[in-house]
Amino acid sequence: MTLINDRKTGGRLAYNIALGNEVMGDLQEASIWAGKAFTDYGYKKGRTYAQELSRRMIQEDIVREQLIRDND
């Protein structure tokens, strides 16, 4: 196997690990693995997915803060 195929496979594996973590509800870990897919393996979908996960985590924080304020 060539280096390019190994990088491509590694990127896909890291991306799939990210997806699995998202399904299990761990967005932080999913974001880390999506970032690895892009930064370590050059898998471009990883960058977009990591950005999407970051936005979702920010949105969840905002909702949590609003719920706390509403309960006070």
PDB file of N, CA and C in Angstrom:
ATOM      1  N   MET A   1       0.840  -1.177   0.000  1.00  0.00           N
ATOM      2  CA  MET A   1       0.000   0.000   0.000  1.00  0.00           C
ATOM      3  C   MET A   1       0.889   1.244   0.000  1.00  0.00           C
ATOM      4  N   THR A   2       0.495   2.239  -0.743  1.00  0.00           N
ATOM      5  CA  THR A   2       1.290   3.464  -0.797  1.00  0.00           C
ATOM      6  C   THR A   2       0.932   4.372   0.370  1.00  0.00           C
ATOM      7  N   LEU A   3       1.784   5.353   0.588  1.00  0.00           N
ATOM      8  CA  LEU A   3       1.561   6.311   1.673  1.00  0.00           C
ATOM      9  C   LEU A   3       0.239   7.051   1.490  1.00  0.00           C
ATOM     10  N   ILE A   4      -0.091   7.394   0.240  1.00  0.00           N
ATOM     11  CA  ILE A   4      -1.333   8.123  -0.027  1.00  0.00           C
ATOM     12  C   ILE A   4      -2.541   7.292   0.404  1.00  0.00           C
ATOM     13  N   ASN A   5      -2.559   6.005   0.063  1.00  0.00           N
ATOM     14  CA  ASN A   5      -3.688   5.154   0.465  1.00  0.00           C
ATOM     15  C   ASN A   5      -3.760   5.032   1.976  1.00  0.00           C
ATOM     16  N   ASP A   6      -2.616   4.935   2.634  1.00  0.00           N
ATOM     17  CA  ASP A   6      -2.614   4.832   4.087  1.00  0.00           C
ATOM     18  C   ASP A   6      -3.183   6.107   4.719  1.00  0.00           C
ATOM     19  N   ARG A   7      -2.794   7.264   4.193  1.00  0.00           N
ATOM     20  CA  ARG A   7      -3.318   8.527   4.726  1.00  0.00           C
ATOM     21  C   ARG A   7      -4.820   8.621   4.499  1.00  0.00           C
ATOM     22  N   LYS A   8      -5.250   8.206   3.316  1.00  0.00           N
ATOM     23  CA  LYS A   8      -6.677   8.267   3.004  1.00  0.00           C
ATOM     24  C   LYS A   8      -7.459   7.337   3.940  1.00  0.00           C
ATOM     25  N   THR A   9      -6.963   6.143   4.129  1.00  0.00           N
ATOM     26  CA  THR A   9      -7.619   5.188   5.022  1.00  0.00           C
ATOM     27  C   THR A   9      -7.615   5.710   6.451  1.00  0.00           C
ATOM     28  N   GLY A  10      -6.484   6.246   6.885  1.00  0.00           N
ATOM     29  CA  GLY A  10      -6.389   6.798   8.237  1.00  0.00           C
ATOM     30  C   GLY A  10      -7.368   7.940   8.449  1.00  0.00           C
ATOM     31  N   GLY A  11      -7.500   8.788   7.447  1.00  0.00           N
ATOM     32  CA  GLY A  11      -8.443   9.901   7.529  1.00  0.00           C
ATOM     33  C   GLY A  11      -9.881   9.431   7.637  1.00  0.00           C
ATOM     34  N   ARG A  12     -10.198   8.422   6.842  1.00  0.00           N
ATOM     35  CA  ARG A  12     -11.564   7.874   6.898  1.00  0.00           C
ATOM     36  C   ARG A  12     -11.840   7.207   8.237  1.00  0.00           C
ATOM     37  N   LEU A  13     -10.850   6.489   8.746  1.00  0.00           N
ATOM     38  CA  LEU A  13     -11.026   5.837  10.047  1.00  0.00           C
ATOM     39  C   LEU A  13     -11.242   6.862  11.155  1.00  0.00           C
ATOM     40  N   ALA A  14     -10.417   7.915  11.171  1.00  0.00           N
ATOM     41  CA  ALA A  14     -10.561   8.959  12.189  1.00  0.00           C
ATOM     42  C   ALA A  14     -11.920   9.633  12.063  1.00  0.00           C
ATOM     43  N   TYR A  15     -12.353   9.886  10.837  1.00  0.00           N
ATOM     44  CA  TYR A  15     -13.662  10.499  10.594  1.00  0.00           C
ATOM     45  C   TYR A  15     -14.784   9.600  11.124  1.00  0.00           C
ATOM     46  N   ASN A  16     -14.672   8.301  10.859  1.00  0.00           N
ATOM     47  CA  ASN A  16     -15.697   7.366  11.330  1.00  0.00           C
ATOM     48  C   ASN A  16     -15.704   7.252  12.853  1.00  0.00           C
ATOM     49  N   ILE A  17     -14.540   7.352  13.469  1.00  0.00           N
ATOM     50  CA  ILE A  17     -14.481   7.358  14.932  1.00  0.00           C
ATOM     51  C   ILE A  17     -15.199   8.601  15.458  1.00  0.00           C
ATOM     52  N   ALA A  18     -15.017   9.719  14.768  1.00  0.00           N
ATOM     53  CA  ALA A  18     -15.713  10.950  15.142  1.00  0.00           C
ATOM     54  C   ALA A  18     -17.220  10.751  15.070  1.00  0.00           C
ATOM     55  N   LEU A  19     -17.681  10.145  13.986  1.00  0.00           N
ATOM     56  CA  LEU A  19     -19.119   9.889  13.837  1.00  0.00           C
ATOM     57  C   LEU A  19     -19.640   9.008  14.970  1.00  0.00           C
ATOM     58  N   GLY A  20     -18.883   7.974  15.306  1.00  0.00           N
ATOM     59  CA  GLY A  20     -19.295   7.085  16.387  1.00  0.00           C
ATOM     60  C   GLY A  20     -19.399   7.813  17.718  1.00  0.00           C
ATOM     61  N   ASN A  21     -18.449   8.707  17.977  1.00  0.00           N
ATOM     62  CA  ASN A  21     -18.497   9.478  19.217  1.00  0.00           C
ATOM     63  C   ASN A  21     -19.695  10.414  19.241  1.00  0.00           C
ATOM     64  N   GLU A  22     -20.025  10.977  18.086  1.00  0.00           N
ATOM     65  CA  GLU A  22     -21.208  11.839  18.039  1.00  0.00           C
ATOM     66  C   GLU A  22     -22.469  11.032  18.345  1.00  0.00           C
ATOM     67  N   VAL A  23     -22.570   9.872  17.757  1.00  0.00           N
ATOM     68  CA  VAL A  23     -23.741   9.015  17.986  1.00  0.00           C
ATOM     69  C   VAL A  23     -23.866   8.674  19.466  1.00  0.00           C
ATOM     70  N   MET A  24     -22.729   8.472  20.142  1.00  0.00           N
ATOM     71  CA  MET A  24     -22.745   8.144  21.566  1.00  0.00           C
ATOM     72  C   MET A  24     -22.930   9.382  22.434  1.00  0.00           C
ATOM     73  N   GLY A  25     -23.025  10.567  21.812  1.00  0.00           N
ATOM     74  CA  GLY A  25     -23.311  11.785  22.551  1.00  0.00           C
ATOM     75  C   GLY A  25     -22.095  12.545  23.039  1.00  0.00           C
ATOM     76  N   ASP A  26     -20.896  12.141  22.634  1.00  0.00           N
ATOM     77  CA  ASP A  26     -19.672  12.814  23.079  1.00  0.00           C
ATOM     78  C   ASP A  26     -19.167  13.729  21.963  1.00  0.00           C
ATOM     79  N   LEU A  27     -19.745  14.933  21.900  1.00  0.00           N
ATOM     80  CA  LEU A  27     -19.385  15.866  20.833  1.00  0.00           C
ATOM     81  C   LEU A  27     -17.945  16.353  20.954  1.00  0.00           C
ATOM     82  N   GLN A  28     -17.446  16.490  22.173  1.00  0.00           N
ATOM     83  CA  GLN A  28     -16.071  16.941  22.371  1.00  0.00           C
ATOM     84  C   GLN A  28     -15.085  15.944  21.752  1.00  0.00           C
ATOM     85  N   GLU A  29     -15.266  14.674  22.052  1.00  0.00           N
ATOM     86  CA  GLU A  29     -14.385  13.640  21.506  1.00  0.00           C
ATOM     87  C   GLU A  29     -14.567  13.520  19.997  1.00  0.00           C
ATOM     88  N   ALA A  30     -15.805  13.662  19.535  1.00  0.00           N
ATOM     89  CA  ALA A  30     -16.075  13.629  18.100  1.00  0.00           C
ATOM     90  C   ALA A  30     -15.331  14.749  17.392  1.00  0.00           C
ATOM     91  N   SER A  31     -15.328  15.924  17.996  1.00  0.00           N
ATOM     92  CA  SER A  31     -14.630  17.062  17.406  1.00  0.00           C
ATOM     93  C   SER A  31     -13.126  16.819  17.337  1.00  0.00           C
ATOM     94  N   ILE A  32     -12.573  16.207  18.373  1.00  0.00           N
ATOM     95  CA  ILE A  32     -11.140  15.899  18.381  1.00  0.00           C
ATOM     96  C   ILE A  32     -10.796  14.949  17.239  1.00  0.00           C
ATOM     97  N   TRP A  33     -11.586  13.897  17.077  1.00  0.00           N
ATOM     98  CA  TRP A  33     -11.306  12.922  16.024  1.00  0.00           C
ATOM     99  C   TRP A  33     -11.542  13.505  14.627  1.00  0.00           C
ATOM    100  N   ALA A  34     -12.545  14.347  14.473  1.00  0.00           N
ATOM    101  CA  ALA A  34     -12.768  14.991  13.173  1.00  0.00           C
ATOM    102  C   ALA A  34     -11.587  15.887  12.835  1.00  0.00           C
ATOM    103  N   GLY A  35     -11.080  16.605  13.838  1.00  0.00           N
ATOM    104  CA  GLY A  35      -9.901  17.439  13.630  1.00  0.00           C
ATOM    105  C   GLY A  35      -8.687  16.614  13.246  1.00  0.00           C
ATOM    106  N   LYS A  36      -8.516  15.460  13.872  1.00  0.00           N
ATOM    107  CA  LYS A  36      -7.398  14.567  13.532  1.00  0.00           C
ATOM    108  C   LYS A  36      -7.517  14.076  12.094  1.00  0.00           C
ATOM    109  N   ALA A  37      -8.735  13.785  11.678  1.00  0.00           N
ATOM    110  CA  ALA A  37      -8.947  13.322  10.307  1.00  0.00           C
ATOM    111  C   ALA A  37      -8.395  14.339   9.321  1.00  0.00           C
ATOM    112  N   PHE A  38      -8.596  15.620   9.632  1.00  0.00           N
ATOM    113  CA  PHE A  38      -8.104  16.670   8.737  1.00  0.00           C
ATOM    114  C   PHE A  38      -6.626  16.984   8.967  1.00  0.00           C
ATOM    115  N   THR A  39      -6.253  17.265  10.204  1.00  0.00           N
ATOM    116  CA  THR A  39      -4.887  17.726  10.456  1.00  0.00           C
ATOM    117  C   THR A  39      -3.848  16.625  10.316  1.00  0.00           C
ATOM    118  N   ASP A  40      -4.167  15.427  10.784  1.00  0.00           N
ATOM    119  CA  ASP A  40      -3.183  14.346  10.726  1.00  0.00           C
ATOM    120  C   ASP A  40      -3.172  13.610   9.386  1.00  0.00           C
ATOM    121  N   TYR A  41      -4.335  13.568   8.724  1.00  0.00           N
ATOM    122  CA  TYR A  41      -4.441  12.753   7.513  1.00  0.00           C
ATOM    123  C   TYR A  41      -4.873  13.525   6.269  1.00  0.00           C
ATOM    124  N   GLY A  42      -5.204  14.809   6.433  1.00  0.00           N
ATOM    125  CA  GLY A  42      -5.591  15.616   5.286  1.00  0.00           C
ATOM    126  C   GLY A  42      -6.962  15.272   4.721  1.00  0.00           C
ATOM    127  N   TYR A  43      -7.804  14.637   5.516  1.00  0.00           N
ATOM    128  CA  TYR A  43      -9.147  14.266   5.072  1.00  0.00           C
ATOM    129  C   TYR A  43     -10.037  15.503   5.183  1.00  0.00           C
ATOM    130  N   LYS A  44     -10.351  16.097   4.047  1.00  0.00           N
ATOM    131  CA  LYS A  44     -11.011  17.405   4.021  1.00  0.00           C
ATOM    132  C   LYS A  44     -12.382  17.431   4.691  1.00  0.00           C
ATOM    133  N   LYS A  45     -13.122  16.344   4.628  1.00  0.00           N
ATOM    134  CA  LYS A  45     -14.430  16.306   5.278  1.00  0.00           C
ATOM    135  C   LYS A  45     -14.294  16.480   6.793  1.00  0.00           C
ATOM    136  N   GLY A  46     -13.139  16.097   7.333  1.00  0.00           N
ATOM    137  CA  GLY A  46     -12.905  16.221   8.768  1.00  0.00           C
ATOM    138  C   GLY A  46     -12.941  17.657   9.236  1.00  0.00           C
ATOM    139  N   ARG A  47     -12.395  18.569   8.435  1.00  0.00           N
ATOM    140  CA  ARG A  47     -12.382  19.987   8.814  1.00  0.00           C
ATOM    141  C   ARG A  47     -13.795  20.537   8.912  1.00  0.00           C
ATOM    142  N   THR A  48     -14.599  20.273   7.893  1.00  0.00           N
ATOM    143  CA  THR A  48     -15.977  20.755   7.883  1.00  0.00           C
ATOM    144  C   THR A  48     -16.770  20.168   9.045  1.00  0.00           C
ATOM    145  N   TYR A  49     -16.566  18.887   9.286  1.00  0.00           N
ATOM    146  CA  TYR A  49     -17.289  18.206  10.360  1.00  0.00           C
ATOM    147  C   TYR A  49     -16.865  18.744  11.726  1.00  0.00           C
ATOM    148  N   ALA A  50     -15.575  18.984  11.914  1.00  0.00           N
ATOM    149  CA  ALA A  50     -15.087  19.544  13.184  1.00  0.00           C
ATOM    150  C   ALA A  50     -15.688  20.934  13.410  1.00  0.00           C
ATOM    151  N   GLN A  51     -15.769  21.732  12.363  1.00  0.00           N
ATOM    152  CA  GLN A  51     -16.370  23.065  12.485  1.00  0.00           C
ATOM    153  C   GLN A  51     -17.848  22.965  12.845  1.00  0.00           C
ATOM    154  N   GLU A  52     -18.548  22.024  12.210  1.00  0.00           N
ATOM    155  CA  GLU A  52     -19.971  21.829  12.500  1.00  0.00           C
ATOM    156  C   GLU A  52     -20.165  21.397  13.961  1.00  0.00           C
ATOM    157  N   LEU A  53     -19.326  20.499  14.421  1.00  0.00           N
ATOM    158  CA  LEU A  53     -19.426  20.043  15.805  1.00  0.00           C
ATOM    159  C   LEU A  53     -19.147  21.184  16.780  1.00  0.00           C
ATOM    160  N   SER A  54     -18.181  22.024  16.460  1.00  0.00           N
ATOM    161  CA  SER A  54     -17.877  23.170  17.321  1.00  0.00           C
ATOM    162  C   SER A  54     -19.068  24.105  17.414  1.00  0.00           C
ATOM    163  N   ARG A  55     -19.720  24.368  16.292  1.00  0.00           N
ATOM    164  CA  ARG A  55     -20.920  25.216  16.300  1.00  0.00           C
ATOM    165  C   ARG A  55     -22.018  24.589  17.155  1.00  0.00           C
ATOM    166  N   ARG A  56     -22.205  23.299  17.033  1.00  0.00           N
ATOM    167  CA  ARG A  56     -23.237  22.618  17.825  1.00  0.00           C
ATOM    168  C   ARG A  56     -22.934  22.684  19.312  1.00  0.00           C
ATOM    169  N   MET A  57     -21.665  22.533  19.680  1.00  0.00           N
ATOM    170  CA  MET A  57     -21.309  22.603  21.100  1.00  0.00           C
ATOM    171  C   MET A  57     -21.551  24.001  21.645  1.00  0.00           C
ATOM    172  N   ILE A  58     -21.266  25.023  20.856  1.00  0.00           N
ATOM    173  CA  ILE A  58     -21.521  26.402  21.263  1.00  0.00           C
ATOM    174  C   ILE A  58     -23.022  26.619  21.431  1.00  0.00           C
ATOM    175  N   GLN A  59     -23.815  26.112  20.481  1.00  0.00           N
ATOM    176  CA  GLN A  59     -25.265  26.245  20.571  1.00  0.00           C
ATOM    177  C   GLN A  59     -25.815  25.531  21.807  1.00  0.00           C
ATOM    178  N   GLU A  60     -25.280  24.360  22.106  1.00  0.00           N
ATOM    179  CA  GLU A  60     -25.731  23.635  23.299  1.00  0.00           C
ATOM    180  C   GLU A  60     -25.390  24.408  24.571  1.00  0.00           C
ATOM    181  N   ASP A  61     -24.212  25.046  24.598  1.00  0.00           N
ATOM    182  CA  ASP A  61     -23.841  25.863  25.752  1.00  0.00           C
ATOM    183  C   ASP A  61     -24.799  27.034  25.930  1.00  0.00           C
ATOM    184  N   ILE A  62     -25.174  27.660  24.833  1.00  0.00           N
ATOM    185  CA  ILE A  62     -26.101  28.793  24.882  1.00  0.00           C
ATOM    186  C   ILE A  62     -27.457  28.334  25.432  1.00  0.00           C
ATOM    187  N   VAL A  63     -27.943  27.207  24.939  1.00  0.00           N
ATOM    188  CA  VAL A  63     -29.228  26.683  25.418  1.00  0.00           C
ATOM    189  C   VAL A  63     -29.139  26.355  26.906  1.00  0.00           C
ATOM    190  N   ARG A  64     -28.030  25.727  27.328  1.00  0.00           N
ATOM    191  CA  ARG A  64     -27.858  25.396  28.751  1.00  0.00           C
ATOM    192  C   ARG A  64     -27.904  26.650  29.611  1.00  0.00           C
ATOM    193  N   GLU A  65     -27.223  27.694  29.168  1.00  0.00           N
ATOM    194  CA  GLU A  65     -27.214  28.967  29.904  1.00  0.00           C
ATOM    195  C   GLU A  65     -28.613  29.559  29.981  1.00  0.00           C
ATOM    196  N   GLN A  66     -29.361  29.491  28.886  1.00  0.00           N
ATOM    197  CA  GLN A  66     -30.714  30.029  28.884  1.00  0.00           C
ATOM    198  C   GLN A  66     -31.622  29.248  29.827  1.00  0.00           C
ATOM    199  N   LEU A  67     -31.454  27.936  29.859  1.00  0.00           N
ATOM    200  CA  LEU A  67     -32.260  27.105  30.765  1.00  0.00           C
ATOM    201  C   LEU A  67     -31.952  27.430  32.215  1.00  0.00           C
ATOM    202  N   ILE A  68     -30.684  27.665  32.512  1.00  0.00           N
ATOM    203  CA  ILE A  68     -30.284  28.001  33.882  1.00  0.00           C
ATOM    204  C   ILE A  68     -30.921  29.339  34.285  1.00  0.00           C
ATOM    205  N   ARG A  69     -30.862  30.318  33.378  1.00  0.00           N
ATOM    206  CA  ARG A  69     -31.442  31.638  33.681  1.00  0.00           C
ATOM    207  C   ARG A  69     -32.955  31.546  33.846  1.00  0.00           C
ATOM    208  N   ASP A  70     -33.607  30.729  33.019  1.00  0.00           N
ATOM    209  CA  ASP A  70     -35.053  30.592  33.104  1.00  0.00           C
ATOM    210  C   ASP A  70     -35.493  29.904  34.395  1.00  0.00           C
ATOM    211  N   ASN A  71     -34.655  29.040  34.936  1.00  0.00           N
ATOM    212  CA  ASN A  71     -34.992  28.336  36.175  1.00  0.00           C
ATOM    213  C   ASN A  71     -34.721  29.154  37.419  1.00  0.00           C
ATOM    214  N   ASP A  72     -33.991  30.245  37.281  1.00  0.00           N
ATOM    215  CA  ASP A  72     -33.700  31.093  38.443  1.00  0.00           C
ATOM    216  C   ASP A  72     -34.794  32.058  38.753  1.00  0.00           C
TER     217      ASP A  72
END
